[in-house]
């Protein structure tokens, strides 16, 4: 088995601000038919590739570092290979990692995300679409999406965190 931790991603703090703002304006329109010209789509994709390839450090992307720390802990507790994927802004992408996981030939691929609540487009729509495409490309691999989370489990996790913080006070 391989676990894929499909997390969100953030633009790096030291990415050129002008390009980041240009990208974010286009990114919000990227999937709306007719909203961007072919030239704008090409520019969006160019900046996206540059941003995803940008070197990450804890100083310029604490989210990236934290995602990898979660993966390390998940690997320790599960004893299986854990790969990190990002929905946007950083590499590797979810589709890339799903294909990488299938290529490892270690059995089933279980996808989990730290996005806890329902209603978000990444966890509810995009990740399942990526998994379905991976199933079609990798018919010999079983992909399972360990989501959504039960509200009671999320509430229990949050309650434990509150209790832990109260003990420190």
Protein backbone atom coordinates (compact mmCIF):
# COMPACT_ATOMS: atom_id res chain seq x y z
CA UNK A 1 0.00 0.00 0.00
CA UNK A 2 1.00 3.60 -0.63
CA UNK A 3 -0.60 6.63 1.01
CA UNK A 4 -0.86 9.86 -0.94
CA UNK A 5 -1.26 12.93 1.24
CA UNK A 6 -3.12 15.33 -1.07
CA UNK A 7 -2.76 18.76 0.42
CA UNK A 8 -3.50 22.27 -0.76
CA UNK A 9 -0.29 24.21 -1.37
CA UNK A 10 0.63 27.87 -1.08
CA UNK A 11 2.58 30.29 -3.23
CA UNK A 12 6.11 30.77 -1.85
CA UNK A 13 6.61 34.03 0.04
CA UNK A 14 9.59 35.01 -2.08
CA UNK A 15 7.94 34.47 -5.48
CA UNK A 16 7.90 37.78 -7.38
CA UNK A 17 4.84 39.66 -6.13
CA UNK A 18 3.86 41.14 -9.49
CA UNK A 19 3.80 37.69 -11.13
CA UNK A 20 2.01 36.16 -8.16
CA UNK A 21 -0.78 38.75 -8.34
CA UNK A 22 -1.03 38.34 -12.14
CA UNK A 23 -1.26 34.58 -11.68
CA UNK A 24 -3.88 34.74 -8.92
CA UNK A 25 -6.11 37.02 -11.00
CA UNK A 26 -5.97 34.58 -13.91
CA UNK A 27 -6.15 31.51 -11.66
CA UNK A 28 -9.54 32.56 -10.31
CA UNK A 29 -10.86 32.61 -13.89
CA UNK A 30 -8.89 29.66 -15.35
CA UNK A 31 -11.71 27.11 -15.40
CA UNK A 32 -14.50 29.45 -16.50
CA UNK A 33 -15.13 28.88 -20.22
CA UNK A 34 -14.25 31.96 -22.27
CA UNK A 35 -12.97 33.96 -19.29
CA UNK A 36 -9.36 33.93 -20.47
CA UNK A 37 -7.86 34.28 -23.92
CA UNK A 38 -5.51 31.60 -25.26
CA UNK A 39 -2.62 33.98 -24.58
CA UNK A 40 -3.76 34.48 -20.96
CA UNK A 41 -4.11 30.71 -20.47
CA UNK A 42 -0.58 30.21 -21.78
CA UNK A 43 0.71 32.95 -19.44
CA UNK A 44 -1.19 31.42 -16.51
CA UNK A 45 0.32 28.00 -17.23
CA UNK A 46 3.80 29.49 -17.61
CA UNK A 47 3.63 31.22 -14.21
CA UNK A 48 2.02 28.12 -12.67
CA UNK A 49 4.93 25.93 -13.81
CA UNK A 50 7.46 28.46 -12.52
CA UNK A 51 5.69 28.78 -9.17
CA UNK A 52 5.35 25.00 -8.72
CA UNK A 53 9.07 24.55 -9.46
CA UNK A 54 10.15 27.36 -7.10
CA UNK A 55 12.59 26.08 -4.43
CA UNK A 56 10.81 25.64 -1.10
CA UNK A 57 12.22 26.22 2.36
CA UNK A 58 10.61 26.54 5.75
CA UNK A 59 11.22 30.30 5.53
CA UNK A 60 9.43 30.81 2.20
CA UNK A 61 6.75 28.12 2.53
CA UNK A 62 5.93 26.89 6.02
CA UNK A 63 2.86 25.08 4.61
CA UNK A 64 5.06 22.95 2.34
CA UNK A 65 7.34 22.08 5.27
CA UNK A 66 4.38 21.27 7.53
CA UNK A 67 2.85 19.01 4.86
CA UNK A 68 6.06 17.00 4.68
CA UNK A 69 6.21 16.77 8.49
CA UNK A 70 2.66 15.36 8.51
CA UNK A 71 3.72 12.83 5.86
CA UNK A 72 6.71 11.78 7.98
CA UNK A 73 4.47 11.22 10.99
CA UNK A 74 1.95 9.34 8.86
CA UNK A 75 4.73 7.11 7.56
CA UNK A 76 5.92 6.41 11.13
CA UNK A 77 2.44 5.51 12.33
CA UNK A 78 1.38 3.49 9.27
CA UNK A 79 4.68 1.86 8.33
CA UNK A 80 4.01 2.40 4.62
CA UNK A 81 5.31 4.72 1.92
CA UNK A 82 3.71 8.18 2.09
CA UNK A 83 3.95 10.59 -0.82
CA UNK A 84 3.00 14.27 -0.68
CA UNK A 85 1.00 15.92 -3.46
CA UNK A 86 -0.20 19.48 -3.84
CA UNK A 87 -3.45 20.66 -5.34
CA UNK A 88 -1.99 23.94 -6.47
CA UNK A 89 0.96 26.31 -6.27
CA UNK A 90 3.67 23.68 -5.66
CA UNK A 91 5.00 20.48 -7.08
CA UNK A 92 4.41 17.67 -7.34
CA UNK A 93 0.76 17.83 -8.37
CA UNK A 94 -1.88 15.34 -7.25
CA UNK A 95 -2.08 13.68 -10.72
CA UNK A 96 1.72 13.35 -10.86
CA UNK A 97 1.90 11.70 -7.45
CA UNK A 98 -1.02 9.35 -8.13
CA UNK A 99 0.84 8.08 -11.19
CA UNK A 100 4.07 7.85 -9.18
CA UNK A 101 2.29 5.85 -6.46
CA UNK A 102 0.83 3.44 -9.02
CA UNK A 103 4.26 3.00 -10.64
CA UNK A 104 5.71 1.85 -7.31
CA UNK A 105 3.65 -1.35 -7.65
CA UNK A 106 3.15 -1.61 -3.88
CA UNK A 107 -0.54 -2.45 -4.07
CA UNK A 108 -3.45 -0.17 -3.29
CA UNK A 109 -3.09 3.59 -3.25
CA UNK A 110 -5.00 5.34 -0.48
CA UNK A 111 -5.47 9.08 -0.88
CA UNK A 112 -6.10 11.22 2.19
CA UNK A 113 -6.23 14.97 2.63
CA UNK A 114 -5.89 17.20 5.68
CA UNK A 115 -8.82 19.24 4.31
CA UNK A 116 -11.33 18.27 6.96
CA UNK A 117 -14.61 19.92 6.06
CA UNK A 118 -17.01 19.21 3.25
CA UNK A 119 -17.93 21.82 0.69
CA UNK A 120 -14.47 22.75 -0.58
CA UNK A 121 -13.82 22.29 -4.29
CA UNK A 122 -10.38 20.71 -3.83
CA UNK A 123 -11.38 17.88 -1.50
CA UNK A 124 -14.88 17.38 -2.83
CA UNK A 125 -14.39 17.78 -6.59
CA UNK A 126 -10.82 18.09 -7.81
CA UNK A 127 -9.14 15.29 -5.87
CA UNK A 128 -11.88 12.77 -6.80
CA UNK A 129 -11.54 13.83 -10.45
CA UNK A 130 -7.77 13.34 -10.26
CA UNK A 131 -8.29 9.90 -8.71
CA UNK A 132 -10.73 8.90 -11.44
CA UNK A 133 -8.23 9.92 -14.14
CA UNK A 134 -5.52 7.94 -12.32
CA UNK A 135 -7.78 4.87 -12.26
CA UNK A 136 -8.25 5.13 -16.00
CA UNK A 137 -4.48 5.52 -16.62
CA UNK A 138 -3.53 2.79 -14.13
CA UNK A 139 -6.18 0.04 -14.41
CA UNK A 140 -4.15 -2.45 -12.34
CA UNK A 141 -4.08 -0.19 -9.28
CA UNK A 142 -6.87 0.21 -6.74
CA UNK A 143 -7.26 3.83 -5.64
CA UNK A 144 -9.26 4.60 -2.49
CA UNK A 145 -10.12 8.09 -1.27
CA UNK A 146 -10.23 8.20 2.54
CA UNK A 147 -12.59 11.16 2.63
CA UNK A 148 -14.96 12.72 3.72
CA UNK A 149 -14.33 12.68 7.42
CA UNK A 150 -17.14 12.07 9.86
CA UNK A 151 -18.12 15.29 11.63
CA UNK A 152 -17.94 13.54 15.02
CA UNK A 153 -14.33 12.48 14.35
CA UNK A 154 -13.32 15.99 13.32
CA UNK A 155 -15.05 17.43 16.40
CA UNK A 156 -13.25 14.87 18.60
CA UNK A 157 -9.89 15.77 17.08
CA UNK A 158 -10.58 19.49 17.64
CA UNK A 159 -11.74 18.82 21.20
CA UNK A 160 -8.49 16.97 21.94
CA UNK A 161 -6.56 19.97 20.63
CA UNK A 162 -8.56 22.34 22.84
CA UNK A 163 -7.93 20.11 25.85
CA UNK A 164 -4.20 19.96 25.10
CA UNK A 165 -4.05 23.76 24.89
CA UNK A 166 -5.94 24.12 28.18
CA UNK A 167 -3.45 21.86 29.95
CA UNK A 168 -0.61 24.13 28.82
CA UNK A 169 -2.29 27.23 30.26
